[in-house]
Protein backbone atom coordinates (compact mmCIF):
# COMPACT_ATOMS: atom_id res chain seq x y z
CA MET A 1 42.87 -6.86 -19.35
CA MET A 2 40.12 -8.59 -21.05
CA LYS A 3 36.68 -7.62 -19.85
CA VAL A 4 34.05 -10.06 -19.58
CA SER A 5 30.30 -9.25 -19.51
CA LEU A 6 27.94 -11.74 -18.35
CA PRO A 7 24.40 -12.08 -19.47
CA LEU A 8 21.99 -10.81 -16.74
CA PRO A 9 20.41 -14.08 -15.84
CA LEU A 10 23.88 -15.70 -15.39
CA LEU A 11 25.06 -12.64 -13.47
CA PHE A 12 22.22 -13.00 -10.82
CA VAL A 13 23.34 -16.83 -10.48
CA CYS A 14 27.13 -16.13 -10.12
CA LEU A 15 26.79 -13.49 -7.41
CA LEU A 16 24.72 -15.52 -5.19
CA GLY A 17 28.07 -16.71 -3.25
CA TRP A 18 28.43 -13.01 -1.83
CA SER A 19 27.45 -12.60 1.79
CA SER A 20 27.43 -10.12 4.53
CA CYS A 21 26.52 -10.01 8.15
CA THR A 22 23.17 -7.97 8.05
CA ASP A 23 20.49 -9.24 10.55
CA ASP A 24 17.32 -8.95 8.89
CA ASP A 25 15.24 -10.30 12.07
CA GLY A 26 15.40 -6.89 13.87
CA PRO A 27 14.29 -6.33 17.44
CA PRO A 28 11.32 -8.50 18.95
CA PRO A 29 7.77 -6.70 18.61
CA PRO A 30 7.19 -4.23 21.68
CA ASP A 31 4.32 -4.70 23.98
CA VAL A 32 1.63 -2.38 22.93
CA SER A 33 -1.16 -4.15 24.97
CA ASP A 34 -1.58 -1.13 27.04
CA ILE A 35 -2.13 1.40 24.12
CA THR A 36 -5.73 2.10 23.35
CA VAL A 37 -6.94 2.54 19.86
CA ASN A 38 -10.71 3.41 19.22
CA LEU A 39 -11.85 2.96 15.71
CA THR A 40 -15.22 3.73 14.93
CA VAL A 41 -16.36 1.74 11.52
CA LEU A 42 -18.95 3.47 9.18
CA ARG A 43 -20.44 1.11 6.32
CA PHE A 44 -20.83 3.79 3.53
CA ASP A 45 -20.92 1.02 1.16
CA ARG A 46 -24.04 -0.52 2.46
CA ALA A 47 -25.65 2.97 3.01
CA LEU A 48 -25.15 4.04 -0.53
CA ALA A 49 -26.29 0.36 -1.75
CA GLU A 50 -29.51 0.71 0.03
CA LEU A 51 -30.19 4.45 -0.81
CA ASP A 52 -33.60 5.47 -1.28
CA THR A 53 -33.56 6.61 -5.06
CA THR A 54 -37.33 7.78 -4.87
CA ASP A 55 -36.15 11.05 -2.94
CA LEU A 56 -32.53 11.52 -3.38
CA THR A 57 -32.48 14.94 -2.17
CA THR A 58 -33.51 13.83 1.28
CA SER A 59 -31.29 10.58 1.18
CA LEU A 60 -28.03 12.59 0.00
CA ALA A 61 -28.71 15.05 3.10
CA GLU A 62 -28.97 12.06 5.26
CA LEU A 63 -25.58 10.56 3.91
CA ASP A 64 -24.00 13.92 4.67
CA ARG A 65 -25.38 14.05 8.16
CA GLN A 66 -24.06 10.37 8.79
CA TYR A 67 -20.80 10.41 7.07
CA GLY A 68 -19.52 13.97 7.10
CA SER A 69 -16.86 15.22 5.01
CA PHE A 70 -16.22 11.72 3.55
CA THR A 71 -19.55 12.23 1.56
CA ASP A 72 -18.44 15.15 -0.02
CA VAL A 73 -15.01 13.72 -0.99
CA PHE A 74 -16.86 10.48 -2.35
CA PHE A 75 -19.16 12.44 -4.62
CA THR A 76 -16.58 14.96 -5.67
CA HIS A 77 -13.57 12.59 -6.71
CA LEU A 78 -14.56 8.83 -6.66
CA VAL A 79 -18.32 9.18 -8.16
CA PRO A 80 -18.20 12.67 -9.21
CA VAL A 81 -21.89 13.62 -8.87
CA ARG A 82 -20.88 17.06 -7.21
CA ARG A 83 -18.59 18.42 -9.99
CA GLY A 84 -18.46 22.17 -10.21
CA ASP A 85 -20.25 22.20 -13.58
CA PHE A 86 -23.12 19.98 -12.50
CA SER A 87 -26.36 21.65 -10.76
CA PRO A 88 -27.73 19.77 -7.90
CA ALA A 89 -30.66 18.23 -10.51
CA GLU A 90 -27.87 17.00 -12.86
CA GLY A 91 -25.75 15.59 -9.89
CA ARG A 92 -28.89 13.60 -8.81
CA ARG A 93 -29.61 12.36 -12.33
CA VAL A 94 -25.75 11.02 -12.65
CA LEU A 95 -26.02 9.44 -9.32
CA ARG A 96 -29.01 7.57 -10.43
CA ALA A 97 -27.59 6.40 -13.43
CA TYR A 98 -24.41 5.18 -11.29
CA LEU A 99 -26.62 3.45 -8.81
CA ASP A 100 -28.44 1.60 -11.96
CA TYR A 101 -25.50 0.77 -13.81
CA PRO A 102 -24.85 -3.12 -13.96
CA LEU A 103 -21.37 -2.93 -12.81
CA THR A 104 -22.43 -0.83 -9.76
CA HIS A 105 -24.87 -3.94 -8.78
CA PHE A 106 -22.18 -6.30 -9.65
CA VAL A 107 -19.62 -4.80 -7.23
CA ASP A 108 -22.23 -4.20 -4.45
CA SER A 109 -23.21 -7.95 -4.41
CA LEU A 110 -19.67 -9.15 -4.32
CA VAL A 111 -19.02 -6.72 -1.36
CA ALA A 112 -22.20 -7.79 0.43
CA GLN A 113 -21.36 -11.43 -0.08
CA ASN A 114 -17.95 -10.97 1.27
CA TYR A 115 -18.61 -8.23 3.90
CA GLY A 116 -22.18 -8.20 4.41
CA ASP A 117 -24.14 -8.05 7.57
CA ALA A 118 -27.84 -8.80 7.94
CA THR A 119 -27.84 -6.29 10.97
CA GLY A 120 -26.52 -3.36 8.87
CA GLY A 121 -23.02 -3.41 11.32
CA ALA A 122 -19.60 -4.17 10.80
CA GLY A 123 -20.31 -7.70 10.24
CA PRO A 124 -17.45 -10.61 11.24
CA GLN A 125 -15.44 -10.15 8.20
CA VAL A 126 -15.22 -6.61 8.46
CA GLN A 127 -14.74 -7.04 12.10
CA ASP A 128 -11.74 -9.28 11.30
CA LEU A 129 -10.07 -6.56 9.32
CA VAL A 130 -10.67 -4.13 11.77
CA GLU A 131 -8.88 -6.28 14.44
CA GLN A 132 -5.75 -6.77 12.23
CA LEU A 133 -5.75 -2.78 11.58
CA THR A 134 -6.37 -1.95 15.18
CA THR A 135 -3.40 -3.96 16.27
CA SER A 136 -1.09 -2.38 13.70
CA LEU A 137 -2.29 1.11 14.76
CA ARG A 138 -1.06 0.36 18.21
CA TYR A 139 2.26 -0.34 16.93
CA TYR A 140 2.06 2.77 14.69
CA ARG A 141 1.32 5.01 17.97
CA HIS A 142 4.41 3.28 19.76
CA TYR A 143 6.87 3.88 17.04
CA PHE A 144 5.31 7.27 16.02
CA PRO A 145 3.82 9.04 19.28
CA ALA A 146 3.54 12.39 17.84
CA ALA A 147 1.56 11.27 14.54
CA PRO A 148 -2.55 11.60 14.67
CA LEU A 149 -4.23 8.46 14.95
CA PRO A 150 -7.29 8.03 13.13
CA ASP A 151 -10.33 7.21 14.86
CA THR A 152 -12.77 6.29 12.13
CA LEU A 153 -12.62 3.97 9.37
CA VAL A 154 -15.09 4.46 6.34
CA THR A 155 -15.74 1.39 4.06
CA TYR A 156 -17.14 2.17 0.54
CA ALA A 157 -16.97 0.51 -2.99
CA THR A 158 -16.71 1.94 -6.35
CA HIS A 159 -16.06 0.55 -9.92
CA PHE A 160 -12.34 -0.32 -8.38
CA GLU A 161 -11.26 3.12 -8.12
CA LEU A 162 -9.05 3.24 -5.20
CA ALA A 163 -8.18 0.75 -2.40
CA ALA A 164 -7.59 3.26 0.41
CA PHE A 165 -7.22 7.02 1.17
CA LEU A 166 -7.31 9.72 3.88
CA TYR A 167 -9.80 12.22 4.34
CA GLY A 168 -10.81 14.91 6.64
CA ASP A 169 -8.47 15.42 9.56
CA GLY A 170 -6.66 12.26 8.65
CA GLN A 171 -9.45 9.76 8.68
CA LEU A 172 -9.32 6.21 7.08
CA ALA A 173 -11.31 5.08 3.96
CA ALA A 174 -11.05 1.74 2.47
CA GLY A 175 -12.59 0.37 -0.87
CA LEU A 176 -13.95 -3.13 0.16
CA ASP A 177 -13.98 -3.71 -3.69
CA PHE A 178 -10.35 -4.08 -3.56
CA PHE A 179 -10.28 -6.83 -0.92
CA LEU A 180 -12.27 -9.60 -2.60
CA GLY A 181 -9.55 -12.14 -3.49
CA PRO A 182 -8.26 -14.51 -3.69
CA ALA A 183 -11.41 -16.34 -4.43
CA PHE A 184 -12.60 -13.70 -6.85
CA ASP A 185 -11.02 -13.51 -10.27
CA TYR A 186 -10.49 -9.90 -11.05
CA SER A 187 -9.60 -10.20 -14.53
CA GLN A 188 -13.21 -11.28 -15.05
CA VAL A 189 -14.11 -7.85 -14.75
CA ASP A 190 -11.92 -6.74 -17.80
CA PRO A 191 -8.68 -8.81 -18.67
CA ASN A 192 -7.61 -5.74 -20.62
CA GLU A 193 -7.51 -3.22 -17.48
CA PRO A 194 -4.05 -3.02 -16.13
CA ILE A 195 -5.25 -2.76 -12.56
CA PHE A 196 -6.31 -6.47 -12.75
CA SER A 197 -3.10 -7.58 -13.88
CA ASP A 198 -2.09 -10.78 -11.53
CA TYR A 199 1.00 -8.70 -10.17
CA LEU A 200 -1.45 -6.12 -8.79
CA ALA A 201 -4.51 -8.31 -8.32
CA GLN A 202 -2.70 -10.75 -6.14
CA SER A 203 -2.60 -8.33 -3.28
CA TYR A 204 -6.30 -7.46 -3.42
CA THR A 205 -7.06 -9.94 -0.55
CA PRO A 206 -8.20 -9.32 3.37
CA GLU A 207 -4.70 -10.05 4.49
CA HIS A 208 -3.23 -7.11 2.60
CA PHE A 209 -5.90 -4.62 4.15
CA ALA A 210 -3.90 -3.40 7.26
CA GLY A 211 -0.88 -2.92 4.99
CA LYS A 212 -2.63 -0.79 2.39
CA LEU A 213 -4.07 1.37 4.97
CA LEU A 214 -0.63 1.82 6.76
CA ARG A 215 1.01 2.78 3.54
CA VAL A 216 -1.38 5.61 3.14
CA LEU A 217 -0.95 6.79 6.64
CA LEU A 218 3.04 6.47 6.21
CA GLU A 219 2.96 8.34 2.74
CA ASP A 220 0.86 11.08 4.12
CA ARG A 221 2.84 11.56 7.45
CA PHE A 222 6.34 11.18 5.13
CA PRO A 223 5.70 12.05 1.54
CA PRO A 224 7.92 10.51 -0.96
CA PRO A 225 10.70 12.65 -2.57
CA ARG A 226 9.73 15.38 -4.95
CA SER A 227 12.78 14.90 -6.87
CA GLY A 228 16.15 13.30 -6.49
CA ARG A 229 18.20 10.39 -7.51
CA LEU A 230 17.33 6.58 -7.61
CA ILE A 231 19.22 6.06 -4.34
CA ASP A 232 16.68 8.53 -2.58
CA TYR A 233 13.70 6.85 -4.06
CA LEU A 234 14.78 3.18 -3.21
CA VAL A 235 15.72 4.16 0.31
CA TYR A 236 12.55 5.70 0.62
CA GLU A 237 10.75 2.57 -0.19
CA GLY A 238 13.04 0.76 1.74
CA LYS A 239 12.13 2.78 4.67
CA LYS A 240 8.53 2.34 4.27
CA LEU A 241 8.94 -1.66 4.05
CA TYR A 242 11.21 -1.53 7.02
CA VAL A 243 8.60 0.29 9.02
CA LEU A 244 5.79 -1.83 7.61
CA GLU A 245 7.55 -5.01 9.10
CA ARG A 246 7.51 -3.26 12.47
CA LEU A 247 3.86 -2.28 12.09
CA LEU A 248 2.84 -5.77 10.94
CA PRO A 249 5.19 -8.15 12.90
CA GLU A 250 2.69 -10.98 12.64
CA VAL A 251 1.95 -10.91 8.90
CA PRO A 252 4.04 -12.84 6.49
CA ARG A 253 6.71 -10.93 4.85
CA HIS A 254 5.70 -11.38 1.35
CA VAL A 255 2.34 -9.79 2.09
CA VAL A 256 3.79 -6.93 3.88
CA TYR A 257 6.04 -6.60 0.41
CA GLU A 258 3.16 -7.23 -1.67
CA VAL A 259 4.86 -10.04 -3.60
CA THR A 260 4.21 -13.70 -3.92
CA GLU A 261 6.09 -16.09 -1.67
CA PRO A 262 8.60 -17.36 -4.55
CA GLU A 263 9.16 -13.56 -5.33
CA MET A 264 9.90 -13.16 -1.87
CA THR A 265 12.47 -15.96 -2.05
CA TRP A 266 13.93 -14.57 -5.08
CA LEU A 267 14.49 -11.15 -3.33
CA GLU A 268 16.30 -12.48 -0.36
CA ASP A 269 18.38 -14.72 -2.48
CA ASN A 270 19.57 -12.14 -4.93
CA GLU A 271 20.27 -8.79 -2.96
CA THR A 272 23.92 -9.03 -3.99
CA PRO A 273 23.09 -9.39 -7.59
CA ILE A 274 20.42 -6.29 -7.54
CA TYR A 275 23.15 -4.15 -6.00
CA ALA A 276 25.78 -5.41 -8.50
CA TYR A 277 23.43 -4.75 -11.50
CA LEU A 278 22.63 -1.06 -10.25
CA GLN A 279 26.53 -0.58 -9.72
CA ARG A 280 27.46 -1.90 -12.93
CA GLU A 281 24.73 -0.06 -14.96
CA ASP A 282 25.63 3.19 -13.00
CA GLU A 283 21.88 3.59 -12.11
CA LEU A 284 21.99 4.43 -8.32
CA TYR A 285 22.49 8.11 -8.86
CA SER A 286 20.32 8.65 -11.90
CA THR A 287 17.87 11.30 -11.76
CA ASP A 288 15.92 10.30 -14.86
CA VAL A 289 12.22 10.19 -13.76
CA ASN A 290 11.07 7.62 -16.02
CA LYS A 291 13.67 5.29 -15.22
CA ILE A 292 13.16 5.71 -11.53
CA ARG A 293 9.47 5.00 -11.80
CA LYS A 294 10.39 1.98 -13.75
CA TYR A 295 12.69 0.61 -11.29
CA THR A 296 10.64 1.25 -8.05
CA GLY A 297 6.89 1.14 -9.19
CA PRO A 298 4.83 -1.98 -9.70
CA ALA A 299 5.53 -4.05 -12.65
CA PRO A 300 5.29 -7.71 -13.86
CA TYR A 301 9.13 -7.95 -13.20
CA SER A 302 11.84 -5.50 -12.41
CA VAL A 303 13.63 -3.99 -15.52
CA GLY A 304 16.97 -5.34 -16.40
CA MET A 305 16.40 -8.44 -13.86
CA PRO A 306 14.98 -12.08 -14.72
CA GLN A 307 11.12 -12.50 -15.16
CA GLU A 308 11.29 -14.23 -11.85
CA SER A 309 11.79 -10.90 -10.02
CA PRO A 310 8.86 -8.87 -8.82
CA GLY A 311 8.54 -5.56 -9.77
CA GLY A 312 10.21 -3.02 -7.59
CA ALA A 313 12.92 -5.52 -6.72
CA VAL A 314 15.33 -2.37 -5.86
CA ASN A 315 13.01 -1.54 -2.98
CA PHE A 316 14.16 -4.57 -1.20
CA LEU A 317 17.60 -3.32 -1.72
CA GLY A 318 16.50 0.02 -0.11
CA ARG A 319 15.08 -2.04 2.84
CA GLN A 320 18.25 -3.75 3.25
CA ILE A 321 20.25 -0.47 3.38
CA VAL A 322 17.99 0.76 5.86
CA ALA A 323 18.21 -2.34 8.12
CA SER A 324 21.90 -2.05 7.94
CA TYR A 325 21.64 1.71 9.01
CA VAL A 326 19.49 0.95 12.05
CA VAL A 327 22.22 -1.68 13.04
CA GLN A 328 24.91 1.23 12.91
CA HIS A 329 22.66 3.86 14.54
CA PRO A 330 20.29 2.17 16.88
CA GLU A 331 19.76 5.53 18.59
CA VAL A 332 17.83 6.77 15.58
CA THR A 333 13.87 6.46 16.19
CA LEU A 334 11.73 5.42 13.13
CA ALA A 335 10.18 8.81 12.86
CA GLU A 336 13.66 10.51 12.75
CA LEU A 337 14.58 7.67 10.24
CA MET A 338 11.52 8.50 8.15
CA GLY A 339 12.17 12.09 8.27
CA MET A 340 15.59 11.76 6.46
CA GLY A 341 15.48 12.42 2.78
CA ASP A 342 19.25 11.93 1.71
CA GLY A 343 19.55 8.31 0.56
CA GLN A 344 23.13 8.61 -0.22
CA GLU A 345 23.57 9.66 3.54
CA ILE A 346 21.72 6.57 4.75
CA LEU A 347 23.78 4.54 2.24
CA ARG A 348 27.01 6.21 3.74
CA GLY A 349 25.81 5.56 7.32
CA ALA A 350 24.78 2.21 6.89
CA ARG A 351 28.22 0.83 5.89
CA TYR A 352 26.19 -1.39 3.80
CA LYS A 353 27.47 -4.67 2.25
CA PRO A 354 24.86 -6.71 0.16
CA ARG A 355 24.59 -10.25 1.14
């Protein structure tokens, strides 16, 4: 028998006729209006920008008093003035140099322009972000009733170091310098810096704020696999996407997935070719860490697939497998689903057929 090998782009076109009966719509959003979420917003970014540098000892002590353990995390990991090999006096000199640095003033001015408030409070732009986040946290409490719920959100700004993290006993911290788009062109800071690449920077917008913070919560509650096969990792990423859709039901799907609208359309149109490619290349059960990272991580486009594809296209496949599993096992809660670590078991239980 003659074996015919199609070029990859042609493969992704020819397989579009395959279909399945998987329902992507899912259940309607639950009524969460009776769930109370109290989120205190602390503007560390403004406090640091307005710090009295004539008496840093007193100023730092006041920051510690107002912002608690966040201050220590910030000054140890993001702006490391409290390194173990620094004396207090050296730390103060480093902080003064950081505050005087031109990039610090540039970032502070951008954050103030986008999220400033003359009264020193949250400001209307930040309040909009908090309202979106609060709504999603109501869904989070509904679906994960046993999970701790953060009651504090600290906003900060650095030299574009980190968009979001948890600190203390599970409180939220958000870097407002990562939510200045789309009006702000991040490549003007440094066109050679990978974090400012278009495929990453397109998600540095206010509408991505809640999703990035929810990802941090989910990954803390349900950590990614430490090892395993590609099927385990893509199903894990698929579970996150499936859950995020439930936590952000009013957010456009491409925003939840952190891709562009054309890329989202490409994913929806190419589910079968993605699956066929992984099977043909015998990749689903690969344990090659570097290969898994290339398949599931952010990238301009997905390895082995057309340049119209977004990076991490296999994660959409994982989401579809998870959706099929939920259809087959409606009794499984989202918390139970997230706790399942065997991707092959979920694939088997999904009776998955790509569309």
